């Protein structure tokens, strides 16, 4: 699945939720796998536009659960990320990079996590 072209429809569906956009942005900044806990904290900071100490543990836990049960599996099913459920580690794939490229072509001046449509 990693070598096939990403349709705009698939990319837009995957980018339709702020948590998925923020997660892809987080993973794109790292060259190595990211723990789901670290990713959830990063997504919480991005979505709340709040410095790390000001995001509540409850908010991070809520986002962690949403990522674990909904958003990461959806991205993994479409090949945008790989997810090691045992280790709870997420990695951006080549297909995920192409999805980010679709976003960048359509909205070059808008970071992935800024808009919150679909939240």
PDB file of N, CA and C in Angstrom:
ATOM      1  N   UNK A   1       0.816  -1.192   0.000  1.00  0.00           N
ATOM      2  CA  UNK A   1       0.000   0.000   0.000  1.00  0.00           C
ATOM      3  C   UNK A   1       0.863   1.262   0.000  1.00  0.00           C
ATOM      4  N   UNK A   2       2.108   1.216   0.463  1.00  0.00           N
ATOM      5  CA  UNK A   2       2.910   2.423   0.576  1.00  0.00           C
ATOM      6  C   UNK A   2       3.290   3.015  -0.772  1.00  0.00           C
ATOM      7  N   UNK A   3       3.345   2.220  -1.842  1.00  0.00           N
ATOM      8  CA  UNK A   3       3.749   2.740  -3.137  1.00  0.00           C
ATOM      9  C   UNK A   3       2.591   3.265  -3.970  1.00  0.00           C
ATOM     10  N   UNK A   4       1.378   3.000  -3.579  1.00  0.00           N
ATOM     11  CA  UNK A   4       0.266   3.465  -4.401  1.00  0.00           C
ATOM     12  C   UNK A   4       0.000   4.947  -4.160  1.00  0.00           C
ATOM     13  N   UNK A   5      -0.554   5.573  -5.187  1.00  0.00           N
ATOM     14  CA  UNK A   5      -0.850   6.995  -5.144  1.00  0.00           C
ATOM     15  C   UNK A   5      -1.969   7.268  -4.138  1.00  0.00           C
ATOM     16  N   UNK A   6      -1.905   8.416  -3.492  1.00  0.00           N
ATOM     17  CA  UNK A   6      -2.928   8.811  -2.531  1.00  0.00           C
ATOM     18  C   UNK A   6      -3.924   9.723  -3.234  1.00  0.00           C
ATOM     19  N   UNK A   7      -5.193   9.316  -3.270  1.00  0.00           N
ATOM     20  CA  UNK A   7      -6.203  10.176  -3.890  1.00  0.00           C
ATOM     21  C   UNK A   7      -6.488  11.360  -2.967  1.00  0.00           C
ATOM     22  N   UNK A   8      -6.903  12.457  -3.560  1.00  0.00           N
ATOM     23  CA  UNK A   8      -7.248  13.625  -2.749  1.00  0.00           C
ATOM     24  C   UNK A   8      -8.415  13.323  -1.820  1.00  0.00           C
ATOM     25  N   UNK A   9      -9.366  12.515  -2.271  1.00  0.00           N
ATOM     26  CA  UNK A   9     -10.513  12.174  -1.414  1.00  0.00           C
ATOM     27  C   UNK A   9     -10.056  11.456  -0.145  1.00  0.00           C
ATOM     28  N   UNK A  10      -9.168  10.473  -0.306  1.00  0.00           N
ATOM     29  CA  UNK A  10      -8.651   9.737   0.855  1.00  0.00           C
ATOM     30  C   UNK A  10      -7.870  10.685   1.754  1.00  0.00           C
ATOM     31  N   UNK A  11      -7.004  11.483   1.167  1.00  0.00           N
ATOM     32  CA  UNK A  11      -6.201  12.419   1.955  1.00  0.00           C
ATOM     33  C   UNK A  11      -7.093  13.373   2.733  1.00  0.00           C
ATOM     34  N   UNK A  12      -8.105  13.938   2.072  1.00  0.00           N
ATOM     35  CA  UNK A  12      -8.974  14.894   2.744  1.00  0.00           C
ATOM     36  C   UNK A  12      -9.790  14.241   3.861  1.00  0.00           C
ATOM     37  N   UNK A  13     -10.239  13.012   3.640  1.00  0.00           N
ATOM     38  CA  UNK A  13     -10.968  12.310   4.710  1.00  0.00           C
ATOM     39  C   UNK A  13     -10.060  12.100   5.916  1.00  0.00           C
ATOM     40  N   UNK A  14      -8.819  11.690   5.667  1.00  0.00           N
ATOM     41  CA  UNK A  14      -7.894  11.456   6.775  1.00  0.00           C
ATOM     42  C   UNK A  14      -7.490  12.751   7.465  1.00  0.00           C
ATOM     43  N   UNK A  15      -7.469  13.836   6.722  1.00  0.00           N
ATOM     44  CA  UNK A  15      -7.100  15.136   7.281  1.00  0.00           C
ATOM     45  C   UNK A  15      -8.295  15.896   7.863  1.00  0.00           C
ATOM     46  N   UNK A  16      -9.475  15.285   7.842  1.00  0.00           N
ATOM     47  CA  UNK A  16     -10.688  16.003   8.237  1.00  0.00           C
ATOM     48  C   UNK A  16     -10.819  16.232   9.735  1.00  0.00           C
ATOM     49  N   UNK A  17     -10.008  15.565  10.534  1.00  0.00           N
ATOM     50  CA  UNK A  17     -10.090  15.764  11.984  1.00  0.00           C
ATOM     51  C   UNK A  17      -8.800  16.388  12.502  1.00  0.00           C
ATOM     52  N   UNK A  18      -8.944  17.361  13.370  1.00  0.00           N
ATOM     53  CA  UNK A  18      -7.797  18.103  13.892  1.00  0.00           C
ATOM     54  C   UNK A  18      -6.786  17.191  14.591  1.00  0.00           C
ATOM     55  N   UNK A  19      -7.242  16.149  15.286  1.00  0.00           N
ATOM     56  CA  UNK A  19      -6.298  15.259  15.970  1.00  0.00           C
ATOM     57  C   UNK A  19      -5.423  14.512  14.963  1.00  0.00           C
ATOM     58  N   UNK A  20      -6.023  14.066  13.853  1.00  0.00           N
ATOM     59  CA  UNK A  20      -5.225  13.357  12.853  1.00  0.00           C
ATOM     60  C   UNK A  20      -4.237  14.303  12.187  1.00  0.00           C
ATOM     61  N   UNK A  21      -4.671  15.525  11.902  1.00  0.00           N
ATOM     62  CA  UNK A  21      -3.745  16.495  11.304  1.00  0.00           C
ATOM     63  C   UNK A  21      -2.596  16.789  12.257  1.00  0.00           C
ATOM     64  N   UNK A  22      -2.907  17.023  13.516  1.00  0.00           N
ATOM     65  CA  UNK A  22      -1.862  17.328  14.500  1.00  0.00           C
ATOM     66  C   UNK A  22      -0.931  16.137  14.700  1.00  0.00           C
ATOM     67  N   UNK A  23      -1.473  14.923  14.679  1.00  0.00           N
ATOM     68  CA  UNK A  23      -0.633  13.729  14.824  1.00  0.00           C
ATOM     69  C   UNK A  23       0.316  13.596  13.643  1.00  0.00           C
ATOM     70  N   UNK A  24      -0.186  13.775  12.432  1.00  0.00           N
ATOM     71  CA  UNK A  24       0.686  13.684  11.258  1.00  0.00           C
ATOM     72  C   UNK A  24       1.786  14.745  11.316  1.00  0.00           C
ATOM     73  N   UNK A  25       1.437  15.934  11.747  1.00  0.00           N
ATOM     74  CA  UNK A  25       2.432  17.001  11.898  1.00  0.00           C
ATOM     75  C   UNK A  25       3.485  16.606  12.932  1.00  0.00           C
ATOM     76  N   UNK A  26       3.050  16.055  14.048  1.00  0.00           N
ATOM     77  CA  UNK A  26       3.967  15.593  15.095  1.00  0.00           C
ATOM     78  C   UNK A  26       4.922  14.540  14.543  1.00  0.00           C
ATOM     79  N   UNK A  27       4.384  13.554  13.866  1.00  0.00           N
ATOM     80  CA  UNK A  27       5.207  12.467  13.332  1.00  0.00           C
ATOM     81  C   UNK A  27       6.149  12.965  12.249  1.00  0.00           C
ATOM     82  N   UNK A  28       5.709  13.951  11.487  1.00  0.00           N
ATOM     83  CA  UNK A  28       6.538  14.504  10.421  1.00  0.00           C
ATOM     84  C   UNK A  28       7.768  15.217  10.986  1.00  0.00           C
ATOM     85  N   UNK A  29       7.662  15.735  12.189  1.00  0.00           N
ATOM     86  CA  UNK A  29       8.793  16.420  12.820  1.00  0.00           C
ATOM     87  C   UNK A  29       9.832  15.445  13.374  1.00  0.00           C
ATOM     88  N   UNK A  30       9.484  14.182  13.512  1.00  0.00           N
ATOM     89  CA  UNK A  30      10.394  13.187  14.090  1.00  0.00           C
ATOM     90  C   UNK A  30      10.872  12.209  13.020  1.00  0.00           C
ATOM     91  N   UNK A  31      12.117  11.831  13.108  1.00  0.00           N
ATOM     92  CA  UNK A  31      12.659  10.835  12.177  1.00  0.00           C
ATOM     93  C   UNK A  31      12.550   9.422  12.747  1.00  0.00           C
ATOM     94  N   UNK A  32      12.086   9.315  13.963  1.00  0.00           N
ATOM     95  CA  UNK A  32      11.995   8.019  14.642  1.00  0.00           C
ATOM     96  C   UNK A  32      10.559   7.800  15.105  1.00  0.00           C
ATOM     97  N   UNK A  33      10.232   6.563  15.455  1.00  0.00           N
ATOM     98  CA  UNK A  33       8.902   6.293  16.013  1.00  0.00           C
ATOM     99  C   UNK A  33       8.646   7.154  17.265  1.00  0.00           C
ATOM    100  N   UNK A  34       7.380   7.480  17.491  1.00  0.00           N
ATOM    101  CA  UNK A  34       6.975   8.313  18.623  1.00  0.00           C
ATOM    102  C   UNK A  34       6.018   7.507  19.490  1.00  0.00           C
ATOM    103  N   UNK A  35       6.213   7.546  20.797  1.00  0.00           N
ATOM    104  CA  UNK A  35       5.276   6.854  21.682  1.00  0.00           C
ATOM    105  C   UNK A  35       3.920   7.535  21.585  1.00  0.00           C
ATOM    106  N   UNK A  36       2.871   6.751  21.730  1.00  0.00           N
ATOM    107  CA  UNK A  36       1.527   7.317  21.650  1.00  0.00           C
ATOM    108  C   UNK A  36       1.308   8.340  22.760  1.00  0.00           C
ATOM    109  N   UNK A  37       1.896   8.113  23.926  1.00  0.00           N
ATOM    110  CA  UNK A  37       1.764   9.064  25.029  1.00  0.00           C
ATOM    111  C   UNK A  37       2.396  10.409  24.671  1.00  0.00           C
ATOM    112  N   UNK A  38       3.591  10.386  24.083  1.00  0.00           N
ATOM    113  CA  UNK A  38       4.240  11.632  23.675  1.00  0.00           C
ATOM    114  C   UNK A  38       3.453  12.309  22.555  1.00  0.00           C
ATOM    115  N   UNK A  39       2.945  11.507  21.621  1.00  0.00           N
ATOM    116  CA  UNK A  39       2.156  12.055  20.525  1.00  0.00           C
ATOM    117  C   UNK A  39       0.883  12.708  21.069  1.00  0.00           C
ATOM    118  N   UNK A  40       0.223  12.078  22.031  1.00  0.00           N
ATOM    119  CA  UNK A  40      -1.000  12.634  22.611  1.00  0.00           C
ATOM    120  C   UNK A  40      -0.721  13.977  23.282  1.00  0.00           C
ATOM    121  N   UNK A  41       0.399  14.072  23.986  1.00  0.00           N
ATOM    122  CA  UNK A  41       0.760  15.340  24.630  1.00  0.00           C
ATOM    123  C   UNK A  41       1.030  16.407  23.580  1.00  0.00           C
ATOM    124  N   UNK A  42       1.697  16.030  22.499  1.00  0.00           N
ATOM    125  CA  UNK A  42       1.988  16.972  21.424  1.00  0.00           C
ATOM    126  C   UNK A  42       0.692  17.435  20.746  1.00  0.00           C
ATOM    127  N   UNK A  43      -0.206  16.501  20.482  1.00  0.00           N
ATOM    128  CA  UNK A  43      -1.495  16.836  19.863  1.00  0.00           C
ATOM    129  C   UNK A  43      -2.293  17.760  20.791  1.00  0.00           C
ATOM    130  N   UNK A  44      -2.279  17.475  22.081  1.00  0.00           N
ATOM    131  CA  UNK A  44      -3.002  18.316  23.045  1.00  0.00           C
ATOM    132  C   UNK A  44      -2.457  19.736  23.036  1.00  0.00           C
ATOM    133  N   UNK A  45      -1.145  19.871  23.020  1.00  0.00           N
ATOM    134  CA  UNK A  45      -0.539  21.213  22.983  1.00  0.00           C
ATOM    135  C   UNK A  45      -0.917  21.936  21.689  1.00  0.00           C
ATOM    136  N   UNK A  46      -0.851  21.213  20.568  1.00  0.00           N
ATOM    137  CA  UNK A  46      -1.148  21.834  19.273  1.00  0.00           C
ATOM    138  C   UNK A  46      -2.615  22.253  19.175  1.00  0.00           C
ATOM    139  N   UNK A  47      -3.497  21.385  19.621  1.00  0.00           N
ATOM    140  CA  UNK A  47      -4.932  21.661  19.484  1.00  0.00           C
ATOM    141  C   UNK A  47      -5.415  22.735  20.450  1.00  0.00           C
ATOM    142  N   UNK A  48      -4.755  22.856  21.576  1.00  0.00           N
ATOM    143  CA  UNK A  48      -5.148  23.855  22.567  1.00  0.00           C
ATOM    144  C   UNK A  48      -4.293  25.110  22.491  1.00  0.00           C
ATOM    145  N   UNK A  49      -3.282  25.074  21.592  1.00  0.00           N
ATOM    146  CA  UNK A  49      -2.350  26.191  21.458  1.00  0.00           C
ATOM    147  C   UNK A  49      -1.861  26.647  22.823  1.00  0.00           C
ATOM    148  N   UNK A  50      -1.427  25.652  23.620  1.00  0.00           N
ATOM    149  CA  UNK A  50      -1.036  25.868  24.999  1.00  0.00           C
ATOM    150  C   UNK A  50       0.352  25.280  25.241  1.00  0.00           C
ATOM    151  N   UNK A  51       1.191  25.961  26.033  1.00  0.00           N
ATOM    152  CA  UNK A  51       2.487  25.378  26.380  1.00  0.00           C
ATOM    153  C   UNK A  51       2.311  24.087  27.185  1.00  0.00           C
ATOM    154  N   UNK A  52       3.296  23.230  27.119  1.00  0.00           N
ATOM    155  CA  UNK A  52       3.229  21.900  27.742  1.00  0.00           C
ATOM    156  C   UNK A  52       2.732  21.900  29.186  1.00  0.00           C
ATOM    157  N   UNK A  53       3.258  22.733  30.072  1.00  0.00           N
ATOM    158  CA  UNK A  53       2.811  22.632  31.467  1.00  0.00           C
ATOM    159  C   UNK A  53       1.351  23.018  31.684  1.00  0.00           C
ATOM    160  N   UNK A  54       0.779  23.751  30.732  1.00  0.00           N
ATOM    161  CA  UNK A  54      -0.588  24.234  30.914  1.00  0.00           C
ATOM    162  C   UNK A  54      -1.666  23.287  30.400  1.00  0.00           C
ATOM    163  N   UNK A  55      -1.272  22.204  29.739  1.00  0.00           N
ATOM    164  CA  UNK A  55      -2.253  21.218  29.266  1.00  0.00           C
ATOM    165  C   UNK A  55      -2.492  20.227  30.395  1.00  0.00           C
ATOM    166  N   UNK A  56      -3.746  20.026  30.731  1.00  0.00           N
ATOM    167  CA  UNK A  56      -4.060  19.143  31.861  1.00  0.00           C
ATOM    168  C   UNK A  56      -3.816  17.673  31.508  1.00  0.00           C
ATOM    169  N   UNK A  57      -3.510  16.901  32.519  1.00  0.00           N
ATOM    170  CA  UNK A  57      -3.331  15.457  32.330  1.00  0.00           C
ATOM    171  C   UNK A  57      -4.616  14.821  31.809  1.00  0.00           C
ATOM    172  N   UNK A  58      -5.767  15.342  32.250  1.00  0.00           N
ATOM    173  CA  UNK A  58      -7.047  14.810  31.807  1.00  0.00           C
ATOM    174  C   UNK A  58      -7.242  15.025  30.308  1.00  0.00           C
ATOM    175  N   UNK A  59      -6.838  16.198  29.808  1.00  0.00           N
ATOM    176  CA  UNK A  59      -6.958  16.502  28.388  1.00  0.00           C
ATOM    177  C   UNK A  59      -6.040  15.596  27.573  1.00  0.00           C
ATOM    178  N   UNK A  60      -4.826  15.402  28.050  1.00  0.00           N
ATOM    179  CA  UNK A  60      -3.885  14.516  27.355  1.00  0.00           C
ATOM    180  C   UNK A  60      -4.420  13.087  27.343  1.00  0.00           C
ATOM    181  N   UNK A  61      -4.966  12.633  28.454  1.00  0.00           N
ATOM    182  CA  UNK A  61      -5.528  11.270  28.529  1.00  0.00           C
ATOM    183  C   UNK A  61      -6.715  11.113  27.586  1.00  0.00           C
ATOM    184  N   UNK A  62      -7.567  12.128  27.521  1.00  0.00           N
ATOM    185  CA  UNK A  62      -8.729  12.090  26.620  1.00  0.00           C
ATOM    186  C   UNK A  62      -8.264  11.978  25.162  1.00  0.00           C
ATOM    187  N   UNK A  63      -7.267  12.758  24.801  1.00  0.00           N
ATOM    188  CA  UNK A  63      -6.744  12.714  23.443  1.00  0.00           C
ATOM    189  C   UNK A  63      -6.023  11.394  23.185  1.00  0.00           C
ATOM    190  N   UNK A  64      -5.288  10.903  24.172  1.00  0.00           N
ATOM    191  CA  UNK A  64      -4.609   9.607  24.048  1.00  0.00           C
ATOM    192  C   UNK A  64      -5.623   8.508  23.708  1.00  0.00           C
ATOM    193  N   UNK A  65      -6.708   8.468  24.450  1.00  0.00           N
ATOM    194  CA  UNK A  65      -7.732   7.443  24.218  1.00  0.00           C
ATOM    195  C   UNK A  65      -8.370   7.595  22.840  1.00  0.00           C
ATOM    196  N   UNK A  66      -8.616   8.822  22.439  1.00  0.00           N
ATOM    197  CA  UNK A  66      -9.192   9.063  21.123  1.00  0.00           C
ATOM    198  C   UNK A  66      -8.226   8.647  20.012  1.00  0.00           C
ATOM    199  N   UNK A  67      -6.956   8.965  20.175  1.00  0.00           N
ATOM    200  CA  UNK A  67      -5.952   8.539  19.201  1.00  0.00           C
ATOM    201  C   UNK A  67      -5.870   7.018  19.150  1.00  0.00           C
ATOM    202  N   UNK A  68      -5.793   6.397  20.311  1.00  0.00           N
ATOM    203  CA  UNK A  68      -5.617   4.936  20.387  1.00  0.00           C
ATOM    204  C   UNK A  68      -6.802   4.171  19.797  1.00  0.00           C
ATOM    205  N   UNK A  69      -7.999   4.607  20.115  1.00  0.00           N
ATOM    206  CA  UNK A  69      -9.188   3.847  19.707  1.00  0.00           C
ATOM    207  C   UNK A  69      -9.759   4.243  18.353  1.00  0.00           C
ATOM    208  N   UNK A  70      -9.462   5.449  17.889  1.00  0.00           N
ATOM    209  CA  UNK A  70     -10.101   5.909  16.662  1.00  0.00           C
ATOM    210  C   UNK A  70      -9.114   6.376  15.597  1.00  0.00           C
ATOM    211  N   UNK A  71      -8.351   7.389  15.905  1.00  0.00           N
ATOM    212  CA  UNK A  71      -7.592   8.084  14.871  1.00  0.00           C
ATOM    213  C   UNK A  71      -6.357   7.327  14.382  1.00  0.00           C
ATOM    214  N   UNK A  72      -5.587   6.758  15.273  1.00  0.00           N
ATOM    215  CA  UNK A  72      -4.406   5.999  14.831  1.00  0.00           C
ATOM    216  C   UNK A  72      -4.827   4.754  14.041  1.00  0.00           C
ATOM    217  N   UNK A  73      -5.821   3.983  14.495  1.00  0.00           N
ATOM    218  CA  UNK A  73      -6.253   2.849  13.675  1.00  0.00           C
ATOM    219  C   UNK A  73      -6.741   3.268  12.284  1.00  0.00           C
ATOM    220  N   UNK A  74      -7.458   4.379  12.196  1.00  0.00           N
ATOM    221  CA  UNK A  74      -7.938   4.855  10.897  1.00  0.00           C
ATOM    222  C   UNK A  74      -6.755   5.211   9.997  1.00  0.00           C
ATOM    223  N   UNK A  75      -5.768   5.912  10.530  1.00  0.00           N
ATOM    224  CA  UNK A  75      -4.578   6.259   9.746  1.00  0.00           C
ATOM    225  C   UNK A  75      -3.779   5.006   9.385  1.00  0.00           C
ATOM    226  N   UNK A  76      -3.690   4.056  10.303  1.00  0.00           N
ATOM    227  CA  UNK A  76      -2.947   2.815  10.042  1.00  0.00           C
ATOM    228  C   UNK A  76      -3.660   1.975   8.985  1.00  0.00           C
ATOM    229  N   UNK A  77      -4.982   1.904   9.044  1.00  0.00           N
ATOM    230  CA  UNK A  77      -5.741   1.137   8.046  1.00  0.00           C
ATOM    231  C   UNK A  77      -5.522   1.675   6.637  1.00  0.00           C
ATOM    232  N   UNK A  78      -5.285   2.968   6.520  1.00  0.00           N
ATOM    233  CA  UNK A  78      -5.049   3.593   5.215  1.00  0.00           C
ATOM    234  C   UNK A  78      -3.564   3.677   4.876  1.00  0.00           C
ATOM    235  N   UNK A  79      -2.703   3.139   5.757  1.00  0.00           N
ATOM    236  CA  UNK A  79      -1.277   3.092   5.474  1.00  0.00           C
ATOM    237  C   UNK A  79      -0.537   4.392   5.707  1.00  0.00           C
ATOM    238  N   UNK A  80      -1.164   5.361   6.367  1.00  0.00           N
ATOM    239  CA  UNK A  80      -0.518   6.652   6.613  1.00  0.00           C
ATOM    240  C   UNK A  80       0.478   6.582   7.766  1.00  0.00           C
ATOM    241  N   UNK A  81       0.236   5.666   8.687  1.00  0.00           N
ATOM    242  CA  UNK A  81       1.150   5.444   9.811  1.00  0.00           C
ATOM    243  C   UNK A  81       1.273   3.944  10.033  1.00  0.00           C
ATOM    244  N   UNK A  82       2.333   3.571  10.707  1.00  0.00           N
ATOM    245  CA  UNK A  82       2.394   2.206  11.215  1.00  0.00           C
ATOM    246  C   UNK A  82       2.257   2.320  12.733  1.00  0.00           C
ATOM    247  N   UNK A  83       1.547   1.368  13.321  1.00  0.00           N
ATOM    248  CA  UNK A  83       1.268   1.426  14.757  1.00  0.00           C
ATOM    249  C   UNK A  83       1.579   0.082  15.375  1.00  0.00           C
ATOM    250  N   UNK A  84       2.515   0.100  16.307  1.00  0.00           N
ATOM    251  CA  UNK A  84       2.857  -1.091  17.081  1.00  0.00           C
ATOM    252  C   UNK A  84       2.006  -1.042  18.346  1.00  0.00           C
ATOM    253  N   UNK A  85       0.912  -1.800  18.353  1.00  0.00           N
ATOM    254  CA  UNK A  85      -0.028  -1.774  19.484  1.00  0.00           C
ATOM    255  C   UNK A  85       0.608  -2.275  20.784  1.00  0.00           C
ATOM    256  N   UNK A  86       1.517  -3.224  20.673  1.00  0.00           N
ATOM    257  CA  UNK A  86       2.152  -3.758  21.886  1.00  0.00           C
ATOM    258  C   UNK A  86       3.057  -2.722  22.551  1.00  0.00           C
ATOM    259  N   UNK A  87       3.829  -2.035  21.749  1.00  0.00           N
ATOM    260  CA  UNK A  87       4.753  -1.028  22.273  1.00  0.00           C
ATOM    261  C   UNK A  87       4.122   0.355  22.347  1.00  0.00           C
ATOM    262  N   UNK A  88       2.924   0.516  21.716  1.00  0.00           N
ATOM    263  CA  UNK A  88       2.207   1.807  21.663  1.00  0.00           C
ATOM    264  C   UNK A  88       3.109   2.886  21.047  1.00  0.00           C
ATOM    265  N   UNK A  89       3.634   2.562  19.846  1.00  0.00           N
ATOM    266  CA  UNK A  89       4.536   3.453  19.120  1.00  0.00           C
ATOM    267  C   UNK A  89       3.977   3.678  17.721  1.00  0.00           C
ATOM    268  N   UNK A  90       4.026   4.930  17.258  1.00  0.00           N
ATOM    269  CA  UNK A  90       3.490   5.316  15.957  1.00  0.00           C
ATOM    270  C   UNK A  90       4.623   5.868  15.094  1.00  0.00           C
ATOM    271  N   UNK A  91       4.590   5.503  13.801  1.00  0.00           N
ATOM    272  CA  UNK A  91       5.602   5.973  12.851  1.00  0.00           C
ATOM    273  C   UNK A  91       4.901   6.455  11.590  1.00  0.00           C
ATOM    274  N   UNK A  92       5.347   7.580  11.060  1.00  0.00           N
ATOM    275  CA  UNK A  92       4.833   8.090   9.797  1.00  0.00           C
ATOM    276  C   UNK A  92       5.396   7.247   8.657  1.00  0.00           C
ATOM    277  N   UNK A  93       4.549   6.885   7.706  1.00  0.00           N
ATOM    278  CA  UNK A  93       4.979   6.100   6.549  1.00  0.00           C
ATOM    279  C   UNK A  93       5.151   7.025   5.332  1.00  0.00           C
ATOM    280  N   UNK A  94       5.654   6.450   4.252  1.00  0.00           N
ATOM    281  CA  UNK A  94       5.769   7.214   3.005  1.00  0.00           C
ATOM    282  C   UNK A  94       4.398   7.696   2.549  1.00  0.00           C
ATOM    283  N   UNK A  95       3.406   6.857   2.710  1.00  0.00           N
ATOM    284  CA  UNK A  95       2.042   7.245   2.321  1.00  0.00           C
ATOM    285  C   UNK A  95       1.564   8.423   3.171  1.00  0.00           C
ATOM    286  N   UNK A  96       1.889   8.408   4.451  1.00  0.00           N
ATOM    287  CA  UNK A  96       1.543   9.528   5.322  1.00  0.00           C
ATOM    288  C   UNK A  96       2.222  10.810   4.881  1.00  0.00           C
ATOM    289  N   UNK A  97       3.467  10.683   4.449  1.00  0.00           N
ATOM    290  CA  UNK A  97       4.177  11.857   3.929  1.00  0.00           C
ATOM    291  C   UNK A  97       3.482  12.400   2.688  1.00  0.00           C
ATOM    292  N   UNK A  98       2.968  11.509   1.853  1.00  0.00           N
ATOM    293  CA  UNK A  98       2.252  11.960   0.657  1.00  0.00           C
ATOM    294  C   UNK A  98       0.930  12.647   1.024  1.00  0.00           C
ATOM    295  N   UNK A  99       0.290  12.184   2.085  1.00  0.00           N
ATOM    296  CA  UNK A  99      -0.951  12.826   2.543  1.00  0.00           C
ATOM    297  C   UNK A  99      -0.648  14.246   3.029  1.00  0.00           C
ATOM    298  N   UNK A 100       0.456  14.401   3.730  1.00  0.00           N
ATOM    299  CA  UNK A 100       0.869  15.738   4.165  1.00  0.00           C
ATOM    300  C   UNK A 100       1.142  16.618   2.947  1.00  0.00           C
ATOM    301  N   UNK A 101       1.741  16.045   1.915  1.00  0.00           N
ATOM    302  CA  UNK A 101       2.023  16.793   0.686  1.00  0.00           C
ATOM    303  C   UNK A 101       0.736  17.272   0.035  1.00  0.00           C
ATOM    304  N   UNK A 102      -0.310  16.440   0.041  1.00  0.00           N
ATOM    305  CA  UNK A 102      -1.608  16.857  -0.507  1.00  0.00           C
ATOM    306  C   UNK A 102      -2.107  18.086   0.253  1.00  0.00           C
ATOM    307  N   UNK A 103      -2.039  18.032   1.568  1.00  0.00           N
ATOM    308  CA  UNK A 103      -2.467  19.176   2.380  1.00  0.00           C
ATOM    309  C   UNK A 103      -1.652  20.410   2.019  1.00  0.00           C
ATOM    310  N   UNK A 104      -0.343  20.249   1.923  1.00  0.00           N
ATOM    311  CA  UNK A 104       0.533  21.386   1.665  1.00  0.00           C
ATOM    312  C   UNK A 104       0.275  22.011   0.295  1.00  0.00           C
ATOM    313  N   UNK A 105      -0.110  21.187  -0.687  1.00  0.00           N
ATOM    314  CA  UNK A 105      -0.419  21.726  -2.016  1.00  0.00           C
ATOM    315  C   UNK A 105      -1.700  22.542  -1.994  1.00  0.00           C
ATOM    316  N   UNK A 106      -2.672  22.098  -1.198  1.00  0.00           N
ATOM    317  CA  UNK A 106      -3.969  22.774  -1.148  1.00  0.00           C
ATOM    318  C   UNK A 106      -3.921  23.997  -0.236  1.00  0.00           C
ATOM    319  N   UNK A 107      -3.239  23.869   0.900  1.00  0.00           N
ATOM    320  CA  UNK A 107      -3.169  24.951   1.894  1.00  0.00           C
ATOM    321  C   UNK A 107      -1.713  25.190   2.299  1.00  0.00           C
ATOM    322  N   UNK A 108      -0.906  25.739   1.409  1.00  0.00           N
ATOM    323  CA  UNK A 108       0.523  25.849   1.678  1.00  0.00           C
ATOM    324  C   UNK A 108       0.883  26.739   2.867  1.00  0.00           C
ATOM    325  N   UNK A 109       0.032  27.677   3.232  1.00  0.00           N
ATOM    326  CA  UNK A 109       0.348  28.591   4.326  1.00  0.00           C
ATOM    327  C   UNK A 109      -0.340  28.235   5.639  1.00  0.00           C
ATOM    328  N   UNK A 110      -1.026  27.089   5.674  1.00  0.00           N
ATOM    329  CA  UNK A 110      -1.777  26.703   6.865  1.00  0.00           C
ATOM    330  C   UNK A 110      -1.168  25.424   7.441  1.00  0.00           C
ATOM    331  N   UNK A 111      -0.578  25.506   8.653  1.00  0.00           N
ATOM    332  CA  UNK A 111      -0.057  24.280   9.268  1.00  0.00           C
ATOM    333  C   UNK A 111      -1.174  23.259   9.459  1.00  0.00           C
ATOM    334  N   UNK A 112      -0.815  21.992   9.462  1.00  0.00           N
ATOM    335  CA  UNK A 112      -1.802  20.918   9.558  1.00  0.00           C
ATOM    336  C   UNK A 112      -2.730  21.067  10.759  1.00  0.00           C
ATOM    337  N   UNK A 113      -2.210  21.421  11.927  1.00  0.00           N
ATOM    338  CA  UNK A 113      -3.034  21.364  13.124  1.00  0.00           C
ATOM    339  C   UNK A 113      -3.788  22.647  13.435  1.00  0.00           C
ATOM    340  N   UNK A 114      -3.633  23.708  12.633  1.00  0.00           N
ATOM    341  CA  UNK A 114      -4.219  24.999  12.989  1.00  0.00           C
ATOM    342  C   UNK A 114      -5.738  25.013  12.931  1.00  0.00           C
ATOM    343  N   UNK A 115      -6.321  24.592  11.825  1.00  0.00           N
ATOM    344  CA  UNK A 115      -7.771  24.661  11.699  1.00  0.00           C
ATOM    345  C   UNK A 115      -8.412  23.519  12.483  1.00  0.00           C
ATOM    346  N   UNK A 116      -9.607  23.744  13.000  1.00  0.00           N
ATOM    347  CA  UNK A 116     -10.221  22.706  13.821  1.00  0.00           C
ATOM    348  C   UNK A 116     -11.545  22.191  13.258  1.00  0.00           C
ATOM    349  N   UNK A 117     -11.757  22.282  11.977  1.00  0.00           N
ATOM    350  CA  UNK A 117     -12.966  21.695  11.372  1.00  0.00           C
ATOM    351  C   UNK A 117     -12.918  20.197  11.579  1.00  0.00           C
ATOM    352  N   UNK A 118     -14.005  19.603  11.932  1.00  0.00           N
ATOM    353  CA  UNK A 118     -14.061  18.162  12.136  1.00  0.00           C
ATOM    354  C   UNK A 118     -13.733  17.732  13.536  1.00  0.00           C
ATOM    355  N   UNK A 119     -13.532  18.673  14.431  1.00  0.00           N
ATOM    356  CA  UNK A 119     -13.182  18.325  15.800  1.00  0.00           C
ATOM    357  C   UNK A 119     -14.405  17.919  16.559  1.00  0.00           C
TER     358      UNK A 119
END
